[in-house]
Protein backbone atom coordinates (compact mmCIF):
# COMPACT_ATOMS: atom_id res chain seq x y z
CA MET A 1 6.91 71.18 15.35
CA GLN A 2 3.60 71.11 13.50
CA LYS A 3 5.32 69.64 10.39
CA LEU A 4 6.80 66.85 12.51
CA ALA A 5 3.39 66.03 14.00
CA SER A 6 1.84 65.97 10.50
CA ARG A 7 4.51 63.61 9.24
CA ILE A 8 4.10 61.27 12.22
CA LEU A 9 0.33 61.29 11.69
CA LEU A 10 0.84 60.52 7.97
CA VAL A 11 3.22 57.61 8.74
CA VAL A 12 0.81 56.19 11.35
CA GLY A 13 -2.10 56.54 8.88
CA VAL A 14 -0.18 54.71 6.12
CA PHE A 15 0.82 52.00 8.61
CA VAL A 16 -2.81 51.52 9.71
CA LEU A 17 -3.96 51.29 6.06
CA VAL A 18 -1.28 48.69 5.22
CA VAL A 19 -2.11 46.54 8.27
CA ALA A 20 -5.87 46.80 7.60
CA GLY A 21 -5.34 45.84 3.95
CA MET A 22 -3.29 42.79 4.92
CA LEU A 23 -5.88 41.66 7.46
CA ILE A 24 -8.74 42.06 4.99
CA SER A 25 -6.90 40.20 2.22
CA ARG A 26 -6.03 37.30 4.55
CA SER A 27 -9.57 37.02 5.87
CA ARG A 28 -10.96 36.80 2.32
CA ALA A 29 -8.38 34.34 1.04
CA VAL A 30 -9.74 30.89 0.23
CA ARG A 31 -8.61 28.28 2.69
CA VAL A 32 -8.19 24.81 1.27
CA GLU A 33 -8.26 21.87 3.64
CA SER A 34 -7.15 18.44 2.61
CA VAL A 35 -9.93 15.86 2.58
CA GLU A 36 -7.36 13.10 2.58
CA PRO A 37 -7.19 11.29 5.89
CA SER A 38 -4.09 11.89 7.95
CA ALA A 39 -1.54 9.11 8.05
CA ALA A 40 -0.81 10.10 11.65
CA LYS A 41 -4.38 9.18 12.70
CA ALA A 42 -4.32 5.81 10.90
CA ASP A 43 -3.68 2.61 12.82
CA LEU A 44 -1.53 1.29 10.00
CA SER A 45 -0.01 2.82 6.86
CA ILE A 46 1.03 0.54 4.00
CA LYS A 47 2.73 1.41 0.72
CA GLU A 48 2.20 -0.55 -2.50
CA VAL A 49 -0.74 -2.68 -1.41
CA GLN A 50 -1.92 -5.75 -3.30
CA LEU A 51 -4.94 -7.83 -2.22
CA GLU A 52 -6.42 -10.83 -4.02
CA GLU A 53 -9.54 -12.87 -3.40
CA GLU A 54 -11.60 -15.47 -5.20
CA SER A 55 -15.21 -16.37 -4.43
CA GLY A 56 -18.19 -17.55 -6.44
CA GLY A 57 -16.18 -17.91 -9.64
CA VAL A 58 -15.03 -14.27 -9.48
CA ARG A 59 -11.42 -13.33 -8.80
CA TRP A 60 -10.43 -9.77 -7.98
CA GLN A 61 -7.07 -8.10 -7.45
CA LEU A 62 -6.85 -4.73 -5.72
CA LYS A 63 -3.70 -2.63 -5.95
CA ALA A 64 -3.08 0.78 -4.39
CA ASP A 65 -0.05 3.03 -3.99
CA ARG A 66 -0.94 3.53 -0.32
CA ALA A 67 -3.43 2.25 2.22
CA LEU A 68 -4.30 3.80 5.57
CA VAL A 69 -6.10 1.39 7.91
CA PHE A 70 -8.57 2.86 10.42
CA GLU A 71 -9.50 -0.10 12.64
CA SER A 72 -12.07 1.77 14.76
CA GLU A 73 -13.98 2.75 11.60
CA GLY A 74 -13.50 -0.64 9.91
CA ARG A 75 -12.25 1.21 6.85
CA THR A 76 -9.13 1.29 4.72
CA SER A 77 -8.43 4.47 2.78
CA LEU A 78 -6.75 3.82 -0.56
CA ARG A 79 -4.68 6.04 -2.84
CA LYS A 80 -4.33 5.41 -6.64
CA VAL A 81 -6.74 2.49 -6.81
CA ASP A 82 -6.39 -0.19 -9.52
CA LEU A 83 -8.93 -3.03 -9.31
CA LYS A 84 -9.08 -5.97 -11.71
CA VAL A 85 -12.11 -8.28 -11.69
CA HIS A 86 -12.03 -11.57 -13.60
CA GLU A 87 -15.25 -13.50 -14.19
CA ARG A 88 -15.61 -16.67 -16.26
CA ASP A 89 -16.43 -14.88 -19.50
CA ARG A 90 -15.28 -11.28 -18.98
CA SER A 91 -12.81 -9.02 -17.18
CA TRP A 92 -13.05 -5.48 -15.81
CA THR A 93 -10.55 -2.90 -14.66
CA VAL A 94 -11.50 -0.03 -12.33
CA VAL A 95 -9.08 2.83 -11.65
CA GLY A 96 -9.48 5.98 -9.56
CA GLU A 97 -7.41 8.41 -7.55
CA GLU A 98 -8.69 7.36 -4.12
CA GLY A 99 -11.18 5.12 -2.41
CA ASP A 100 -12.36 3.34 0.71
CA LEU A 101 -12.57 -0.39 1.37
CA PHE A 102 -14.92 -1.32 4.20
CA GLN A 103 -13.37 -4.31 5.92
CA ALA A 104 -16.38 -6.24 7.30
CA SER A 105 -18.63 -5.96 4.23
CA LYS A 106 -15.86 -5.66 1.60
CA ASN A 107 -17.88 -2.82 0.09
CA LEU A 108 -15.77 -0.47 -1.99
CA GLU A 109 -16.04 3.16 -3.04
CA VAL A 110 -13.67 4.61 -5.66
CA ARG A 111 -13.51 8.39 -6.22
CA HIS A 112 -12.02 11.03 -8.51
CA ASN A 113 -11.48 10.31 -12.20
CA VAL A 114 -12.99 6.84 -12.01
CA VAL A 115 -12.68 4.82 -15.23
CA VAL A 116 -14.02 1.30 -15.73
CA THR A 117 -12.96 -0.67 -18.81
CA SER A 118 -13.99 -4.15 -19.87
CA ASP A 119 -12.29 -6.60 -22.17
CA ASP A 120 -15.18 -6.26 -24.67
CA GLY A 121 -14.53 -2.54 -25.27
CA LEU A 122 -16.94 -0.91 -22.80
CA ARG A 123 -15.67 2.17 -20.96
CA LEU A 124 -17.44 3.93 -18.08
CA GLU A 125 -16.36 7.32 -16.68
CA THR A 126 -17.64 8.97 -13.50
CA SER A 127 -16.40 10.75 -10.38
CA VAL A 128 -17.51 8.14 -7.81
CA LEU A 129 -18.42 4.47 -8.07
CA ARG A 130 -19.64 2.22 -5.26
CA TRP A 131 -19.78 -1.58 -4.93
CA HIS A 132 -22.10 -3.25 -2.41
CA GLY A 133 -20.94 -6.85 -2.11
CA ALA A 134 -23.96 -8.40 -0.37
CA ASP A 135 -26.35 -7.19 -3.08
CA ARG A 136 -23.77 -7.51 -5.88
CA ARG A 137 -24.70 -3.97 -6.83
CA LEU A 138 -22.55 -1.34 -8.56
CA TRP A 139 -23.85 2.23 -8.55
CA THR A 140 -23.18 5.95 -8.65
CA ASP A 141 -25.28 9.05 -8.05
CA ALA A 142 -22.76 11.13 -9.99
CA PRO A 143 -22.92 11.90 -13.72
CA VAL A 144 -21.82 8.93 -15.78
CA ARG A 145 -20.61 8.44 -19.34
CA ILE A 146 -20.61 5.02 -20.99
CA LEU A 147 -18.73 4.47 -24.24
CA LYS A 148 -18.95 1.37 -26.40
CA PRO A 149 -17.98 1.06 -30.04
CA GLY A 150 -20.79 2.79 -31.91
CA ALA A 151 -22.52 4.26 -28.83
CA VAL A 152 -22.16 6.92 -26.15
CA ILE A 153 -24.62 7.06 -23.24
CA GLU A 154 -24.63 9.85 -20.65
CA GLY A 155 -26.79 10.15 -17.55
CA THR A 156 -26.87 11.54 -14.04
CA ALA A 157 -26.70 8.18 -12.21
CA LEU A 158 -26.11 4.47 -12.80
CA ASP A 159 -27.36 1.34 -11.07
CA VAL A 160 -26.12 -2.14 -12.02
CA THR A 161 -27.41 -5.31 -10.37
CA MET A 162 -25.16 -8.23 -11.21
CA ALA A 163 -27.72 -10.92 -10.23
CA ASP A 164 -30.18 -9.64 -12.86
CA GLU A 165 -27.43 -8.53 -15.24
CA ALA A 166 -29.37 -5.27 -15.50
CA ALA A 167 -27.99 -1.76 -15.83
CA THR A 168 -30.09 1.38 -15.46
CA VAL A 169 -28.87 4.83 -16.43
CA ARG A 170 -30.95 7.40 -14.55
CA GLY A 171 -31.74 11.07 -14.70
CA ARG A 172 -31.49 13.07 -17.84
CA VAL A 173 -30.17 10.49 -20.30
CA ARG A 174 -28.56 11.20 -23.64
CA ALA A 175 -27.60 8.39 -26.01
CA THR A 176 -25.81 8.73 -29.35
CA PHE A 177 -25.46 5.85 -31.80
CA ASP A 178 -23.35 6.17 -34.93
CA GLY A 179 -24.69 3.10 -36.72
CA SER A 180 -21.27 1.91 -37.90
CA GLN A 181 -21.16 -0.95 -35.37
CA ARG A 182 -23.93 -3.55 -35.66
C-alpha cells in the first residue's frame, strides 16, 4: 500500500513539474504582434493601386500592391510602395515595403528598406522617409546613407527643402570621397 502511495505521489509530482514548466515557458515566450493595419478595420481595401497627379511642373505616379483606406483617419495604408517623381530636369524613384498617404495634405511616409534613386546616379537608403507637401520638405530622423559616384555620406538624419534646393545631413556625419569622379 505504501509503494502504491509513493508511486502516485511521484506521478503527481512529475505532472506538476511538467505543467509548471509549460506555463513558465509560455509566459516567457516572445509575443509578436503585427503592426500592419487590419484589412477588416479598413473602409476600403484595394489591390494593385496606381495614382497619378501633376501640379507645378511635377508629375508623380504612386503604385502599391495593396491599399487600405481609413476614412475616419484620413489615411491610406500602402504595401510595397513604388513612387516615381518626374520634374523638368530630373526624375526620382522611391521604394519601400510600406507607407501611409494622408489624404487631405497628400503628405507621404514610406517605411522599411526605403531606397531613393535619381536619374543622375544618386542613391539614398534609410528606414523611414517623410514628404510634407505644403512645405515641399523631404526628411527622416532615421540613419541615412547617400551614395553618389565617388562619394558616400552617412548621417543620423536628413532634411531636404525643395524650395531652397538645400539638403542637410544631421547628427554624426561621415563622408568618404574616392577622388576618381570629378
